[in-house]
Amino acid sequence: MRCRIANLSERIVLQRRKVVEDESGEYQESWQDLMEVWAEITSLPTKEPEWNSIKKSVDNSKFRVVMRKMTNRNALHAYGNRLRWGNRTLYLATRPLIDAKKAWVEFLAFEKEG
């Protein structure tokens, strides 16, 4: 995880999935904002062959997201399920990878098509 504070140029909002049961017994899904932070977002190359249209329809784009590590007291990044980045929504594909020696947290994320 190589990153510098100057590279954190993208504003993102980490979100957590919230499911509640309504009066009729149906489950309703909503998204709760956890925190807004600066991050570095890098597009990752896709290695799937062109003929794999099923995979391409599920995972449109893949990204590496790096942000500063929060203290244990406010480490909400561990509870995120997706993030908003401008008008895009990225779903987290991995748990946060925390660099113990530095102050960075890294996620792998993907954007669903459609």
C-alpha atoms as a PDB file:
ATOM      1  CA  MET A   1       0.000   0.000   0.000  1.00  0.00           C
ATOM      2  CA  ARG A   2       1.874   3.001  -1.221  1.00  0.00           C
ATOM      3  CA  CYS A   3       0.011   6.221  -0.793  1.00  0.00           C
ATOM      4  CA  ARG A   4       0.612   9.831   0.138  1.00  0.00           C
ATOM      5  CA  ILE A   5      -1.792  12.327   1.613  1.00  0.00           C
ATOM      6  CA  ALA A   6      -1.525  14.386  -1.586  1.00  0.00           C
ATOM      7  CA  ASN A   7      -2.988  11.443  -3.528  1.00  0.00           C
ATOM      8  CA  LEU A   8      -6.203  11.452  -1.472  1.00  0.00           C
ATOM      9  CA  SER A   9      -8.069  13.622  -3.975  1.00  0.00           C
ATOM     10  CA  GLU A  10     -11.459  11.894  -4.194  1.00  0.00           C
ATOM     11  CA  ARG A  11     -14.281  12.541  -1.738  1.00  0.00           C
ATOM     12  CA  ILE A  12     -16.237   9.361  -0.880  1.00  0.00           C
ATOM     13  CA  VAL A  13     -19.026   8.390   1.520  1.00  0.00           C
ATOM     14  CA  LEU A  14     -18.837   4.955   3.153  1.00  0.00           C
ATOM     15  CA  GLN A  15     -22.243   3.349   3.612  1.00  0.00           C
ATOM     16  CA  ARG A  16     -23.621   0.394   5.565  1.00  0.00           C
ATOM     17  CA  ARG A  17     -26.524  -1.783   4.433  1.00  0.00           C
ATOM     18  CA  LYS A  18     -29.470  -1.680   6.812  1.00  0.00           C
ATOM     19  CA  VAL A  19     -32.363  -4.166   6.597  1.00  0.00           C
ATOM     20  CA  VAL A  20     -35.479  -3.693   8.725  1.00  0.00           C
ATOM     21  CA  GLU A  21     -38.775  -5.563   8.892  1.00  0.00           C
ATOM     22  CA  ASP A  22     -41.873  -3.433   8.349  1.00  0.00           C
ATOM     23  CA  GLU A  23     -45.368  -3.923   9.827  1.00  0.00           C
ATOM     24  CA  SER A  24     -46.398  -6.386   7.089  1.00  0.00           C
ATOM     25  CA  GLY A  25     -43.385  -8.641   7.636  1.00  0.00           C
ATOM     26  CA  GLU A  26     -41.580  -7.463   4.488  1.00  0.00           C
ATOM     27  CA  TYR A  27     -37.904  -6.573   4.685  1.00  0.00           C
ATOM     28  CA  GLN A  28     -36.864  -3.133   3.516  1.00  0.00           C
ATOM     29  CA  GLU A  29     -33.278  -2.356   2.533  1.00  0.00           C
ATOM     30  CA  SER A  30     -31.759   1.085   3.014  1.00  0.00           C
ATOM     31  CA  TRP A  31     -28.255   2.544   3.143  1.00  0.00           C
ATOM     32  CA  GLN A  32     -26.906   4.482   6.107  1.00  0.00           C
ATOM     33  CA  ASP A  33     -24.041   6.945   5.611  1.00  0.00           C
ATOM     34  CA  LEU A  34     -21.167   6.159   7.995  1.00  0.00           C
ATOM     35  CA  MET A  35     -18.603   8.810   7.152  1.00  0.00           C
ATOM     36  CA  GLU A  36     -17.296  11.062   4.418  1.00  0.00           C
ATOM     37  CA  VAL A  37     -13.549  10.863   3.772  1.00  0.00           C
ATOM     38  CA  TRP A  38     -10.859  11.648   1.226  1.00  0.00           C
ATOM     39  CA  ALA A  39      -9.536   8.659  -0.709  1.00  0.00           C
ATOM     40  CA  GLU A  40      -7.369   7.610  -3.617  1.00  0.00           C
ATOM     41  CA  ILE A  41      -9.297   5.571  -6.203  1.00  0.00           C
ATOM     42  CA  THR A  42      -7.425   3.675  -8.909  1.00  0.00           C
ATOM     43  CA  SER A  43      -9.095   1.760 -11.711  1.00  0.00           C
ATOM     44  CA  LEU A  44      -7.867  -1.834 -11.962  1.00  0.00           C
ATOM     45  CA  PRO A  45      -7.422  -3.585 -15.301  1.00  0.00           C
ATOM     46  CA  THR A  46      -9.916  -6.329 -16.034  1.00  0.00           C
ATOM     47  CA  LYS A  47      -8.385  -9.593 -17.163  1.00  0.00           C
ATOM     48  CA  GLU A  48     -11.563 -11.403 -18.217  1.00  0.00           C
ATOM     49  CA  PRO A  49     -11.737 -12.324 -21.894  1.00  0.00           C
ATOM     50  CA  GLU A  50     -14.242 -10.483 -24.089  1.00  0.00           C
ATOM     51  CA  TRP A  51     -16.385 -13.617 -24.555  1.00  0.00           C
ATOM     52  CA  ASN A  52     -17.138 -13.785 -20.839  1.00  0.00           C
ATOM     53  CA  SER A  53     -20.243 -11.598 -21.153  1.00  0.00           C
ATOM     54  CA  ILE A  54     -21.882 -13.012 -17.998  1.00  0.00           C
ATOM     55  CA  LYS A  55     -19.005 -11.848 -15.786  1.00  0.00           C
ATOM     56  CA  LYS A  56     -18.808  -8.475 -17.564  1.00  0.00           C
ATOM     57  CA  SER A  57     -22.496  -7.831 -16.932  1.00  0.00           C
ATOM     58  CA  VAL A  58     -22.008  -8.324 -13.170  1.00  0.00           C
ATOM     59  CA  ASP A  59     -18.682  -6.553 -12.595  1.00  0.00           C
ATOM     60  CA  ASN A  60     -18.431  -3.526 -14.834  1.00  0.00           C
ATOM     61  CA  SER A  61     -15.382  -1.853 -13.310  1.00  0.00           C
ATOM     62  CA  LYS A  62     -12.960  -2.736 -10.530  1.00  0.00           C
ATOM     63  CA  PHE A  63     -11.185  -0.260  -8.280  1.00  0.00           C
ATOM     64  CA  ARG A  64      -8.579  -0.051  -5.547  1.00  0.00           C
ATOM     65  CA  VAL A  65      -9.620   2.406  -2.821  1.00  0.00           C
ATOM     66  CA  VAL A  66      -7.117   3.712  -0.265  1.00  0.00           C
ATOM     67  CA  MET A  67      -7.990   5.982   2.654  1.00  0.00           C
ATOM     68  CA  ARG A  68      -6.439   6.972   5.945  1.00  0.00           C
ATOM     69  CA  LYS A  69      -6.799   4.571   8.847  1.00  0.00           C
ATOM     70  CA  MET A  70      -9.137   5.720  11.592  1.00  0.00           C
ATOM     71  CA  THR A  71      -8.435   5.258  15.260  1.00  0.00           C
ATOM     72  CA  ASN A  72     -10.036   2.254  16.977  1.00  0.00           C
ATOM     73  CA  ARG A  73     -12.586   4.543  18.577  1.00  0.00           C
ATOM     74  CA  ASN A  74     -14.074   5.677  15.261  1.00  0.00           C
ATOM     75  CA  ALA A  75     -13.062   2.857  12.908  1.00  0.00           C
ATOM     76  CA  LEU A  76     -16.338   2.891  10.998  1.00  0.00           C
ATOM     77  CA  HIS A  77     -14.536   1.867   7.800  1.00  0.00           C
ATOM     78  CA  ALA A  78     -14.674  -1.732   9.036  1.00  0.00           C
ATOM     79  CA  TYR A  79     -18.489  -1.677   8.832  1.00  0.00           C
ATOM     80  CA  GLY A  80     -18.893  -0.324   5.299  1.00  0.00           C
ATOM     81  CA  ASN A  81     -20.608  -2.348   2.571  1.00  0.00           C
ATOM     82  CA  ARG A  82     -20.421   0.149  -0.271  1.00  0.00           C
ATOM     83  CA  LEU A  83     -19.341   3.689  -1.031  1.00  0.00           C
ATOM     84  CA  ARG A  84     -20.666   6.622  -2.987  1.00  0.00           C
ATOM     85  CA  TRP A  85     -18.151   8.365  -5.226  1.00  0.00           C
ATOM     86  CA  GLY A  86     -19.762  11.313  -6.955  1.00  0.00           C
ATOM     87  CA  ASN A  87     -22.711   9.834  -8.854  1.00  0.00           C
ATOM     88  CA  ARG A  88     -21.232   6.303  -8.812  1.00  0.00           C
ATOM     89  CA  THR A  89     -21.837   3.495  -6.316  1.00  0.00           C
ATOM     90  CA  LEU A  90     -19.037   1.016  -5.611  1.00  0.00           C
ATOM     91  CA  TYR A  91     -19.598  -2.202  -3.663  1.00  0.00           C
ATOM     92  CA  LEU A  92     -16.761  -3.393  -1.438  1.00  0.00           C
ATOM     93  CA  ALA A  93     -15.365  -6.736  -2.585  1.00  0.00           C
ATOM     94  CA  THR A  94     -12.952  -7.243   0.327  1.00  0.00           C
ATOM     95  CA  ARG A  95     -12.724  -6.502   4.009  1.00  0.00           C
ATOM     96  CA  PRO A  96     -10.466  -3.548   4.762  1.00  0.00           C
ATOM     97  CA  LEU A  97      -6.777  -4.358   4.401  1.00  0.00           C
ATOM     98  CA  ILE A  98      -5.097  -2.366   7.162  1.00  0.00           C
ATOM     99  CA  ASP A  99      -1.413  -1.508   6.952  1.00  0.00           C
ATOM    100  CA  ALA A 100      -0.108  -1.940  10.522  1.00  0.00           C
ATOM    101  CA  LYS A 101       3.044   0.150   9.971  1.00  0.00           C
ATOM    102  CA  LYS A 102       1.430   3.011   8.069  1.00  0.00           C
ATOM    103  CA  ALA A 103      -1.841   4.853   8.415  1.00  0.00           C
ATOM    104  CA  TRP A 104      -3.650   3.360   5.393  1.00  0.00           C
ATOM    105  CA  VAL A 105      -6.711   1.208   4.773  1.00  0.00           C
ATOM    106  CA  GLU A 106      -7.227  -0.424   1.388  1.00  0.00           C
ATOM    107  CA  PHE A 107     -10.412  -1.865  -0.188  1.00  0.00           C
ATOM    108  CA  LEU A 108     -11.074  -3.577  -3.468  1.00  0.00           C
ATOM    109  CA  ALA A 109     -14.406  -2.484  -4.920  1.00  0.00           C
ATOM    110  CA  PHE A 110     -16.515  -3.010  -8.014  1.00  0.00           C
ATOM    111  CA  GLU A 111     -19.260  -1.135  -9.794  1.00  0.00           C
ATOM    112  CA  LYS A 112     -22.346  -3.037 -10.913  1.00  0.00           C
ATOM    113  CA  GLU A 113     -23.634  -2.346 -14.383  1.00  0.00           C
ATOM    114  CA  GLY A 114     -27.212  -1.138 -14.680  1.00  0.00           C
END
